[in-house]
Amino acid sequence: MKNSTDEFAARAAAALREVVSLPGACDRHRDSLTGLLDDRAMHRALTDAVEAAERAGAPIGLLFIDLDHFKNVNDRHGHVTGSRVLGQVAGFIDETAKKARGFAARYGGDEFVVVLPGADVDECLDNAERLRATLAAIIFAGGEPPERRPLVRVTCSIGVASVRPASSGDSAEAAGEGAATRLLRLADDAMYQAKHAGRNRVAAADTHAATAFSARVL
């Protein structure tokens, strides 16, 4: 089962890379500051990934990342510094996504999403915790050239969720959109659980809980 899931993840990642790299599509659907997929492109790519997971009977994971108190960076150092730091943070998020054969997007402001085809909740937690620890350990240079101050520390709160989309009576597209929305909501809710637990943490949605929502917080 693990080998088939890995094979699906590799195929899904290759297909998604092809979609987001189409001539002319790259610039139109990428965030101008970070170079990541923008919100609109993320929703389309996520729906496609969910539909592929449903056909393959494989899980799909999502990391919802929110930078902690990032408004303070803008207020203290200015928006130019904030934008430079956001660009650097986005690079580490993109690297995490690529290593896990997924893709990253800027959801808006200081929120980011990483989609991981074929990833169960434990794989999502591993990737999220590595990313959280990496960002917390780095001192970002907000000036230009890089050696100039201000120097900024950034932490993040990450919510993760993984679902195994099930076929429904709806059309494939409608089913994919519904599962994509649920996956985003679960990971977003888990992110808020991480923030409420003290920030600079990772929380995982329990998609099998009897209640509407519960989470594991690391």
C-alpha atoms as a PDB file:
ATOM      1  CA  MET A   1       0.000   0.000   0.000  1.00  0.00           C
ATOM      2  CA  LYS A   2       2.828   2.381   0.851  1.00  0.00           C
ATOM      3  CA  ASN A   3       4.516   1.814  -2.512  1.00  0.00           C
ATOM      4  CA  SER A   4       1.301   2.545  -4.413  1.00  0.00           C
ATOM      5  CA  THR A   5       0.793   5.706  -2.385  1.00  0.00           C
ATOM      6  CA  ASP A   6       4.355   6.823  -3.111  1.00  0.00           C
ATOM      7  CA  GLU A   7       3.823   6.121  -6.806  1.00  0.00           C
ATOM      8  CA  PHE A   8       0.624   8.164  -6.768  1.00  0.00           C
ATOM      9  CA  ALA A   9       2.365  11.054  -5.003  1.00  0.00           C
ATOM     10  CA  ALA A  10       5.133  11.091  -7.616  1.00  0.00           C
ATOM     11  CA  ARG A  11       2.680  11.003 -10.526  1.00  0.00           C
ATOM     12  CA  ALA A  12       0.436  13.633  -8.971  1.00  0.00           C
ATOM     13  CA  ALA A  13       3.366  15.942  -8.277  1.00  0.00           C
ATOM     14  CA  ALA A  14       4.600  15.621 -11.869  1.00  0.00           C
ATOM     15  CA  ALA A  15       1.122  16.352 -13.234  1.00  0.00           C
ATOM     16  CA  LEU A  16       0.693  19.372 -10.993  1.00  0.00           C
ATOM     17  CA  ARG A  17       4.110  20.736 -11.974  1.00  0.00           C
ATOM     18  CA  GLU A  18       3.060  20.431 -15.620  1.00  0.00           C
ATOM     19  CA  VAL A  19      -0.210  22.297 -14.982  1.00  0.00           C
ATOM     20  CA  VAL A  20       1.350  25.229 -13.123  1.00  0.00           C
ATOM     21  CA  SER A  21       4.245  25.501 -15.586  1.00  0.00           C
ATOM     22  CA  LEU A  22       2.186  25.943 -18.744  1.00  0.00           C
ATOM     23  CA  PRO A  23       3.533  28.758 -20.968  1.00  0.00           C
ATOM     24  CA  GLY A  24       1.953  32.046 -19.926  1.00  0.00           C
ATOM     25  CA  ALA A  25       0.175  30.535 -16.937  1.00  0.00           C
ATOM     26  CA  CYS A  26       3.132  30.844 -14.591  1.00  0.00           C
ATOM     27  CA  ASP A  27       3.224  34.644 -14.410  1.00  0.00           C
ATOM     28  CA  ARG A  28      -0.553  35.086 -14.421  1.00  0.00           C
ATOM     29  CA  HIS A  29      -1.147  32.744 -11.520  1.00  0.00           C
ATOM     30  CA  ARG A  30       1.811  33.398  -9.257  1.00  0.00           C
ATOM     31  CA  ASP A  31       1.995  35.794  -6.365  1.00  0.00           C
ATOM     32  CA  SER A  32       4.137  38.742  -7.415  1.00  0.00           C
ATOM     33  CA  LEU A  33       5.921  39.036  -4.054  1.00  0.00           C
ATOM     34  CA  THR A  34       6.793  35.424  -3.269  1.00  0.00           C
ATOM     35  CA  GLY A  35       6.677  33.667  -6.637  1.00  0.00           C
ATOM     36  CA  LEU A  36       4.387  30.992  -5.175  1.00  0.00           C
ATOM     37  CA  LEU A  37       1.029  30.064  -6.654  1.00  0.00           C
ATOM     38  CA  ASP A  38      -1.588  32.652  -5.847  1.00  0.00           C
ATOM     39  CA  ASP A  39      -4.871  31.900  -4.078  1.00  0.00           C
ATOM     40  CA  ARG A  40      -6.853  31.341  -7.264  1.00  0.00           C
ATOM     41  CA  ALA A  41      -4.309  28.972  -8.777  1.00  0.00           C
ATOM     42  CA  MET A  42      -3.990  27.110  -5.469  1.00  0.00           C
ATOM     43  CA  HIS A  43      -7.723  26.376  -5.317  1.00  0.00           C
ATOM     44  CA  ARG A  44      -7.724  25.050  -8.882  1.00  0.00           C
ATOM     45  CA  ALA A  45      -4.593  22.925  -8.362  1.00  0.00           C
ATOM     46  CA  LEU A  46      -5.915  21.630  -5.019  1.00  0.00           C
ATOM     47  CA  THR A  47      -9.207  20.572  -6.606  1.00  0.00           C
ATOM     48  CA  ASP A  48      -7.295  18.768  -9.354  1.00  0.00           C
ATOM     49  CA  ALA A  49      -5.090  17.049  -6.760  1.00  0.00           C
ATOM     50  CA  VAL A  50      -8.108  15.954  -4.713  1.00  0.00           C
ATOM     51  CA  GLU A  51      -9.780  14.506  -7.808  1.00  0.00           C
ATOM     52  CA  ALA A  52      -6.579  12.596  -8.628  1.00  0.00           C
ATOM     53  CA  ALA A  53      -6.390  11.284  -5.062  1.00  0.00           C
ATOM     54  CA  GLU A  54     -10.010  10.138  -5.223  1.00  0.00           C
ATOM     55  CA  ARG A  55      -9.352   8.221  -8.451  1.00  0.00           C
ATOM     56  CA  ALA A  56      -6.229   6.615  -6.968  1.00  0.00           C
ATOM     57  CA  GLY A  57      -7.789   5.855  -3.578  1.00  0.00           C
ATOM     58  CA  ALA A  58      -4.893   7.737  -1.974  1.00  0.00           C
ATOM     59  CA  PRO A  59      -4.758  10.354   0.792  1.00  0.00           C
ATOM     60  CA  ILE A  60      -3.959  14.004   0.287  1.00  0.00           C
ATOM     61  CA  GLY A  61      -2.513  16.278   2.939  1.00  0.00           C
ATOM     62  CA  LEU A  62      -2.460  20.005   3.479  1.00  0.00           C
ATOM     63  CA  LEU A  63      -0.457  22.354   5.706  1.00  0.00           C
ATOM     64  CA  PHE A  64      -2.033  25.703   6.593  1.00  0.00           C
ATOM     65  CA  ILE A  65       0.716  28.073   7.753  1.00  0.00           C
ATOM     66  CA  ASP A  66       0.237  31.411   9.499  1.00  0.00           C
ATOM     67  CA  LEU A  67       3.159  33.564  10.656  1.00  0.00           C
ATOM     68  CA  ASP A  68       2.897  34.551  14.321  1.00  0.00           C
ATOM     69  CA  HIS A  69       2.405  38.260  15.083  1.00  0.00           C
ATOM     70  CA  PHE A  70       3.794  39.220  11.684  1.00  0.00           C
ATOM     71  CA  LYS A  71       1.981  42.543  11.872  1.00  0.00           C
ATOM     72  CA  ASN A  72       4.539  43.496  14.511  1.00  0.00           C
ATOM     73  CA  VAL A  73       7.311  43.144  11.922  1.00  0.00           C
ATOM     74  CA  ASN A  74       5.549  45.571   9.585  1.00  0.00           C
ATOM     75  CA  ASP A  75       4.713  47.973  12.411  1.00  0.00           C
ATOM     76  CA  ARG A  76       8.236  47.988  13.839  1.00  0.00           C
ATOM     77  CA  HIS A  77      10.410  47.769  10.735  1.00  0.00           C
ATOM     78  CA  GLY A  78       8.125  48.894   7.902  1.00  0.00           C
ATOM     79  CA  HIS A  79       6.405  47.112   5.046  1.00  0.00           C
ATOM     80  CA  VAL A  80       9.512  47.001   2.856  1.00  0.00           C
ATOM     81  CA  THR A  81      11.275  44.901   5.476  1.00  0.00           C
ATOM     82  CA  GLY A  82       8.113  42.838   5.983  1.00  0.00           C
ATOM     83  CA  SER A  83       7.903  42.102   2.274  1.00  0.00           C
ATOM     84  CA  ARG A  84      11.558  41.043   2.105  1.00  0.00           C
ATOM     85  CA  VAL A  85      11.131  38.714   5.047  1.00  0.00           C
ATOM     86  CA  LEU A  86       7.942  37.258   3.549  1.00  0.00           C
ATOM     87  CA  GLY A  87       9.836  36.494   0.361  1.00  0.00           C
ATOM     88  CA  GLN A  88      12.556  34.675   2.300  1.00  0.00           C
ATOM     89  CA  VAL A  89      10.023  32.724   4.355  1.00  0.00           C
ATOM     90  CA  ALA A  90       8.230  31.726   1.157  1.00  0.00           C
ATOM     91  CA  GLY A  91      11.461  30.227  -0.135  1.00  0.00           C
ATOM     92  CA  PHE A  92      11.687  27.843   2.801  1.00  0.00           C
ATOM     93  CA  ILE A  93       8.002  26.936   2.456  1.00  0.00           C
ATOM     94  CA  ASP A  94       8.481  26.226  -1.261  1.00  0.00           C
ATOM     95  CA  GLU A  95      11.532  24.080  -0.503  1.00  0.00           C
ATOM     96  CA  THR A  96       9.522  22.062   2.033  1.00  0.00           C
ATOM     97  CA  ALA A  97       6.761  21.494  -0.513  1.00  0.00           C
ATOM     98  CA  LYS A  98       9.128  20.434  -3.288  1.00  0.00           C
ATOM     99  CA  LYS A  99      11.050  18.013  -1.075  1.00  0.00           C
ATOM    100  CA  ALA A 100       7.747  16.369  -0.172  1.00  0.00           C
ATOM    101  CA  ARG A 101       6.646  16.309  -3.845  1.00  0.00           C
ATOM    102  CA  GLY A 102       3.908  18.838  -3.293  1.00  0.00           C
ATOM    103  CA  PHE A 103       3.324  22.489  -4.085  1.00  0.00           C
ATOM    104  CA  ALA A 104       3.096  25.719  -2.111  1.00  0.00           C
ATOM    105  CA  ALA A 105       0.902  28.794  -2.436  1.00  0.00           C
ATOM    106  CA  ARG A 106       0.480  32.145  -0.784  1.00  0.00           C
ATOM    107  CA  TYR A 107      -3.051  32.084   0.592  1.00  0.00           C
ATOM    108  CA  GLY A 108      -3.010  35.789   1.410  1.00  0.00           C
ATOM    109  CA  GLY A 109      -1.137  38.210   3.662  1.00  0.00           C
ATOM    110  CA  ASP A 110       1.163  36.119   5.845  1.00  0.00           C
ATOM    111  CA  GLU A 111      -0.749  32.864   5.313  1.00  0.00           C
ATOM    112  CA  PHE A 112       0.562  30.027   3.154  1.00  0.00           C
ATOM    113  CA  VAL A 113      -0.632  26.593   2.056  1.00  0.00           C
ATOM    114  CA  VAL A 114       1.354  23.474   1.201  1.00  0.00           C
ATOM    115  CA  VAL A 115      -0.465  20.634  -0.592  1.00  0.00           C
ATOM    116  CA  LEU A 116       1.035  17.158  -0.292  1.00  0.00           C
ATOM    117  CA  PRO A 117      -0.468  14.514  -2.625  1.00  0.00           C
ATOM    118  CA  GLY A 118      -0.238  11.031  -1.126  1.00  0.00           C
ATOM    119  CA  ALA A 119       0.635  12.262   2.385  1.00  0.00           C
ATOM    120  CA  ASP A 120      -1.108  10.889   5.456  1.00  0.00           C
ATOM    121  CA  VAL A 121      -1.404  12.889   8.661  1.00  0.00           C
ATOM    122  CA  ASP A 122       1.872  11.599  10.109  1.00  0.00           C
ATOM    123  CA  GLU A 123       3.816  12.633   6.998  1.00  0.00           C
ATOM    124  CA  CYS A 124       2.113  16.035   7.154  1.00  0.00           C
ATOM    125  CA  LEU A 125       3.109  16.414  10.797  1.00  0.00           C
ATOM    126  CA  ASP A 126       6.723  15.503  10.038  1.00  0.00           C
ATOM    127  CA  ASN A 127       6.971  18.066   7.245  1.00  0.00           C
ATOM    128  CA  ALA A 128       5.175  20.730   9.261  1.00  0.00           C
ATOM    129  CA  GLU A 129       7.379  20.280  12.307  1.00  0.00           C
ATOM    130  CA  ARG A 130      10.561  20.453  10.222  1.00  0.00           C
ATOM    131  CA  LEU A 131       9.341  23.663   8.622  1.00  0.00           C
ATOM    132  CA  ARG A 132       8.289  25.171  11.964  1.00  0.00           C
ATOM    133  CA  ALA A 133      11.648  24.371  13.563  1.00  0.00           C
ATOM    134  CA  THR A 134      13.577  25.700  10.551  1.00  0.00           C
ATOM    135  CA  LEU A 135      11.795  29.045  10.518  1.00  0.00           C
ATOM    136  CA  ALA A 136      12.114  29.440  14.293  1.00  0.00           C
ATOM    137  CA  ALA A 137      15.882  28.908  14.112  1.00  0.00           C
ATOM    138  CA  ILE A 138      16.619  31.417  11.349  1.00  0.00           C
ATOM    139  CA  ILE A 139      17.402  35.108  11.669  1.00  0.00           C
ATOM    140  CA  PHE A 140      16.048  36.810   8.552  1.00  0.00           C
ATOM    141  CA  ALA A 141      17.785  39.844   7.064  1.00  0.00           C
ATOM    142  CA  GLY A 142      15.217  42.525   6.358  1.00  0.00           C
ATOM    143  CA  GLY A 143      17.714  44.946   4.849  1.00  0.00           C
ATOM    144  CA  GLU A 144      19.433  45.201   1.500  1.00  0.00           C
ATOM    145  CA  PRO A 145      22.219  44.177   1.112  1.00  0.00           C
ATOM    146  CA  PRO A 146      21.464  41.171   3.353  1.00  0.00           C
ATOM    147  CA  GLU A 147      24.079  41.990   5.978  1.00  0.00           C
ATOM    148  CA  ARG A 148      22.345  45.251   6.854  1.00  0.00           C
ATOM    149  CA  ARG A 149      19.853  45.434   9.698  1.00  0.00           C
ATOM    150  CA  PRO A 150      17.072  44.998  10.676  1.00  0.00           C
ATOM    151  CA  LEU A 151      17.349  41.332  11.543  1.00  0.00           C
ATOM    152  CA  VAL A 152      14.054  39.585  12.190  1.00  0.00           C
ATOM    153  CA  ARG A 153      13.001  36.338  13.846  1.00  0.00           C
ATOM    154  CA  VAL A 154       9.792  34.677  12.647  1.00  0.00           C
ATOM    155  CA  THR A 155       7.763  31.814  14.055  1.00  0.00           C
ATOM    156  CA  CYS A 156       4.674  30.171  12.628  1.00  0.00           C
ATOM    157  CA  SER A 157       1.645  28.173  13.630  1.00  0.00           C
ATOM    158  CA  ILE A 158       0.777  25.285  11.324  1.00  0.00           C
ATOM    159  CA  GLY A 159      -2.425  23.299  11.030  1.00  0.00           C
ATOM    160  CA  VAL A 160      -2.347  20.021   9.144  1.00  0.00           C
ATOM    161  CA  ALA A 161      -5.009  17.712   7.811  1.00  0.00           C
ATOM    162  CA  SER A 162      -5.107  14.663   5.579  1.00  0.00           C
ATOM    163  CA  VAL A 163      -8.155  13.110   3.974  1.00  0.00           C
ATOM    164  CA  ARG A 164      -8.821  10.211   1.658  1.00  0.00           C
ATOM    165  CA  PRO A 165     -11.414  11.580  -0.765  1.00  0.00           C
ATOM    166  CA  ALA A 166     -14.382   9.295  -1.347  1.00  0.00           C
ATOM    167  CA  SER A 167     -16.385   9.030  -4.523  1.00  0.00           C
ATOM    168  CA  SER A 168     -19.858  10.540  -4.386  1.00  0.00           C
ATOM    169  CA  GLY A 169     -22.878  10.827  -6.615  1.00  0.00           C
ATOM    170  CA  ASP A 170     -21.818  14.312  -7.647  1.00  0.00           C
ATOM    171  CA  SER A 171     -19.694  15.071 -10.669  1.00  0.00           C
ATOM    172  CA  ALA A 172     -15.947  14.547 -10.249  1.00  0.00           C
ATOM    173  CA  GLU A 173     -15.370  18.301 -10.291  1.00  0.00           C
ATOM    174  CA  ALA A 174     -18.065  19.020  -7.679  1.00  0.00           C
ATOM    175  CA  ALA A 175     -16.794  16.193  -5.480  1.00  0.00           C
ATOM    176  CA  GLY A 176     -13.242  17.480  -5.814  1.00  0.00           C
ATOM    177  CA  GLU A 177     -14.243  21.017  -4.902  1.00  0.00           C
ATOM    178  CA  GLY A 178     -16.168  19.799  -1.851  1.00  0.00           C
ATOM    179  CA  ALA A 179     -13.296  17.688  -0.549  1.00  0.00           C
ATOM    180  CA  ALA A 180     -10.810  20.487  -1.248  1.00  0.00           C
ATOM    181  CA  THR A 181     -12.911  22.947   0.746  1.00  0.00           C
ATOM    182  CA  ARG A 182     -13.196  20.477   3.632  1.00  0.00           C
ATOM    183  CA  LEU A 183      -9.453  19.830   3.626  1.00  0.00           C
ATOM    184  CA  LEU A 184      -8.694  23.560   3.729  1.00  0.00           C
ATOM    185  CA  ARG A 185     -11.205  24.114   6.538  1.00  0.00           C
ATOM    186  CA  LEU A 186      -9.809  21.269   8.638  1.00  0.00           C
ATOM    187  CA  ALA A 187      -6.231  22.499   8.299  1.00  0.00           C
ATOM    188  CA  ASP A 188      -7.285  26.106   8.931  1.00  0.00           C
ATOM    189  CA  ASP A 189      -9.152  25.081  12.088  1.00  0.00           C
ATOM    190  CA  ALA A 190      -6.106  23.116  13.256  1.00  0.00           C
ATOM    191  CA  MET A 191      -3.906  26.167  12.661  1.00  0.00           C
ATOM    192  CA  TYR A 192      -6.114  28.202  15.010  1.00  0.00           C
ATOM    193  CA  GLN A 193      -5.819  25.422  17.583  1.00  0.00           C
ATOM    194  CA  ALA A 194      -2.034  25.759  17.343  1.00  0.00           C
ATOM    195  CA  LYS A 195      -2.315  29.507  17.891  1.00  0.00           C
ATOM    196  CA  HIS A 196      -4.641  29.108  20.859  1.00  0.00           C
ATOM    197  CA  ALA A 197      -2.199  26.623  22.392  1.00  0.00           C
ATOM    198  CA  GLY A 198       0.561  29.238  22.421  1.00  0.00           C
ATOM    199  CA  ARG A 199       1.734  29.719  18.799  1.00  0.00           C
ATOM    200  CA  ASN A 200       4.958  28.405  17.244  1.00  0.00           C
ATOM    201  CA  ARG A 201       3.292  24.990  17.217  1.00  0.00           C
ATOM    202  CA  VAL A 202       1.851  22.364  14.908  1.00  0.00           C
ATOM    203  CA  ALA A 203      -1.649  20.950  15.309  1.00  0.00           C
ATOM    204  CA  ALA A 204      -3.303  18.135  13.372  1.00  0.00           C
ATOM    205  CA  ALA A 205      -7.005  17.848  12.649  1.00  0.00           C
ATOM    206  CA  ASP A 206      -8.569  14.551  13.696  1.00  0.00           C
ATOM    207  CA  THR A 207     -10.690  13.743  10.671  1.00  0.00           C
ATOM    208  CA  HIS A 208     -12.117  10.635  12.398  1.00  0.00           C
ATOM    209  CA  ALA A 209     -13.282  12.387  15.564  1.00  0.00           C
ATOM    210  CA  ALA A 210     -16.888  11.921  16.584  1.00  0.00           C
ATOM    211  CA  THR A 211     -17.174  15.622  17.293  1.00  0.00           C
ATOM    212  CA  ALA A 212     -17.188  18.237  14.559  1.00  0.00           C
ATOM    213  CA  PHE A 213     -13.534  19.044  15.192  1.00  0.00           C
ATOM    214  CA  SER A 214     -10.680  18.117  17.473  1.00  0.00           C
ATOM    215  CA  ALA A 215      -6.937  18.383  17.067  1.00  0.00           C
ATOM    216  CA  ARG A 216      -3.591  17.082  18.217  1.00  0.00           C
ATOM    217  CA  VAL A 217      -1.218  19.848  19.175  1.00  0.00           C
ATOM    218  CA  LEU A 218       2.563  19.326  19.215  1.00  0.00           C
END
